[in-house]
Protein backbone atom coordinates (compact mmCIF):
# COMPACT_ATOMS: atom_id res chain seq x y z
CA MET A 1 70.45 133.64 56.66
CA ASP A 2 67.15 132.72 55.53
CA TYR A 3 63.91 132.56 57.56
CA THR A 4 64.21 128.68 58.37
CA SER A 5 67.94 129.04 59.73
CA ARG A 6 66.91 132.15 61.93
CA HIS A 7 63.70 130.16 63.08
CA ILE A 8 65.91 126.93 64.11
CA TRP A 9 68.32 129.21 65.93
CA LYS A 10 65.49 130.88 67.92
CA VAL A 11 64.13 127.60 68.81
CA LEU A 12 67.52 126.17 69.93
CA PHE A 13 68.16 129.37 72.01
CA LEU A 14 64.68 129.13 73.74
CA LEU A 15 65.30 125.40 74.34
CA ALA A 16 68.68 126.08 75.93
CA ALA A 17 67.09 128.80 78.18
CA VAL A 18 64.42 126.35 79.23
CA MET A 19 66.91 123.83 79.98
CA LEU A 20 69.00 126.19 82.00
CA ILE A 21 65.85 127.42 84.20
CA ILE A 22 64.85 123.74 84.77
CA GLY A 23 68.61 122.69 85.74
CA ALA A 24 68.68 125.72 88.20
CA SER A 25 65.30 124.96 89.67
CA VAL A 26 66.35 121.27 90.37
CA THR A 27 69.59 122.31 91.82
CA PHE A 28 67.86 124.93 93.91
CA THR A 29 65.31 122.41 95.11
CA SER A 30 67.52 119.48 95.94
CA ARG A 31 69.87 121.84 98.00
CA LYS A 32 67.07 123.15 99.85
CA ALA A 33 65.82 119.71 100.60
CA ASP A 34 69.09 118.48 102.01
CA GLY A 35 69.79 121.69 104.07
CA GLY A 36 71.80 123.40 101.51
CA ALA A 37 75.00 120.88 101.05
CA SER A 38 75.65 117.46 101.39
CA SER A 39 76.84 116.57 104.94
CA SER A 40 80.51 115.75 103.75
CA TYR A 41 81.22 119.54 102.85
CA ILE A 42 81.72 122.41 105.11
CA GLN A 43 78.59 124.51 105.14
CA ARG A 44 78.50 128.22 104.59
CA GLY A 45 78.66 130.34 107.55
CA GLU A 46 79.44 127.43 109.80
CA PRO A 47 82.62 127.98 111.69
CA LEU A 48 85.45 125.53 111.40
CA VAL A 49 85.90 124.42 114.85
CA GLY A 50 89.59 124.19 115.48
CA ALA A 51 90.23 124.05 111.79
CA VAL A 52 93.95 125.42 112.04
CA GLY A 53 94.65 123.88 115.45
CA SER A 54 93.31 120.38 114.70
CA ILE A 55 94.62 119.58 111.22
CA GLY A 56 95.12 115.89 110.64
CA ASN A 57 97.57 116.09 107.85
CA LYS A 58 99.67 119.27 108.62
CA ALA A 59 102.11 118.33 106.02
CA ARG A 60 99.49 118.36 103.25
CA TYR A 61 97.93 121.37 104.64
CA ASN A 62 101.18 123.34 104.91
CA ALA A 63 102.44 122.13 101.41
CA LEU A 64 99.15 123.13 99.85
CA LYS A 65 99.22 126.51 101.45
CA ASP A 66 102.59 127.14 99.90
CA VAL A 67 101.56 126.13 96.53
CA ILE A 68 98.58 128.60 96.66
CA VAL A 69 100.79 131.45 97.91
CA LYS A 70 103.66 130.77 95.76
CA GLY A 71 101.29 130.41 92.77
CA GLY A 72 99.99 133.94 93.50
CA VAL A 73 96.44 132.54 93.98
CA SER A 74 96.15 134.06 97.43
CA SER A 75 98.63 135.84 99.78
CA SER A 76 99.52 134.30 103.11
CA SER A 77 97.70 137.21 104.90
CA ASP A 78 94.36 135.63 103.28
CA PHE A 79 94.97 132.64 105.96
CA GLU A 80 95.18 134.59 108.83
CA SER A 81 91.53 134.18 110.10
CA LYS A 82 90.39 130.68 110.34
CA ASN A 83 87.09 131.56 109.00
CA SER A 84 88.22 133.48 105.87
CA PRO A 85 86.86 131.75 102.64
CA GLN A 86 90.64 131.11 101.84
CA SER A 87 91.30 129.42 105.07
CA ARG A 88 88.12 127.47 104.78
CA ALA A 89 88.95 126.30 101.29
CA LEU A 90 92.28 125.42 101.97
CA TYR A 91 90.97 123.34 105.16
CA TRP A 92 88.49 121.61 102.85
CA ILE A 93 90.92 120.66 100.23
CA ALA A 94 93.60 119.51 102.60
CA GLU A 95 91.25 117.60 105.00
CA THR A 96 87.72 116.83 103.99
CA ASP A 97 88.02 116.82 99.90
CA GLU A 98 87.15 113.09 99.00
CA LEU A 99 89.19 113.68 95.78
CA GLN A 100 92.38 114.50 97.51
CA ILE A 101 94.29 115.65 94.06
CA ALA A 102 97.89 115.76 93.99
CA LEU A 103 99.41 119.06 95.02
CA ASP A 104 100.96 119.46 91.46
CA ASP A 105 97.75 118.85 89.73
CA PRO A 106 97.42 121.38 86.95
CA TYR A 107 93.66 121.91 88.35
CA MET A 108 94.77 122.57 91.88
CA ALA A 109 94.62 126.45 91.72
CA GLN A 110 91.19 126.35 89.91
CA ARG A 111 89.70 123.82 92.57
CA TYR A 112 90.93 126.23 95.42
CA ALA A 113 89.51 129.15 93.77
CA LEU A 114 86.09 127.67 93.29
CA ALA A 115 86.25 126.21 96.73
CA THR A 116 86.72 129.73 98.03
CA PHE A 117 83.21 130.70 96.60
CA TYR A 118 81.64 127.54 98.13
CA CYS A 119 83.14 127.57 101.49
């Protein structure tokens, strides 16, 4: 590599770092302004009021739970507590998620895994 190509890579790296910092700042500021999350989502630490006892679509909830357990993503014991991240993610996907993707969607396990971090 000559001097010019090294200089270009340094500039590109710095530009990417600045964009990452700006993006993180904007995200943090917007989440702080709206109370931490959109009102259509379960907020972290907020207990699910009767989530397991008052499921609107029990067939979808139970089928989704079976898909997650049979896929080895979580064990059935992970859902014993209503307030566990796994239970909250399952409830969100089954009841609140506006996308309502199909149970056999190849991204269902990925969506559930990410929801466990968010919920």
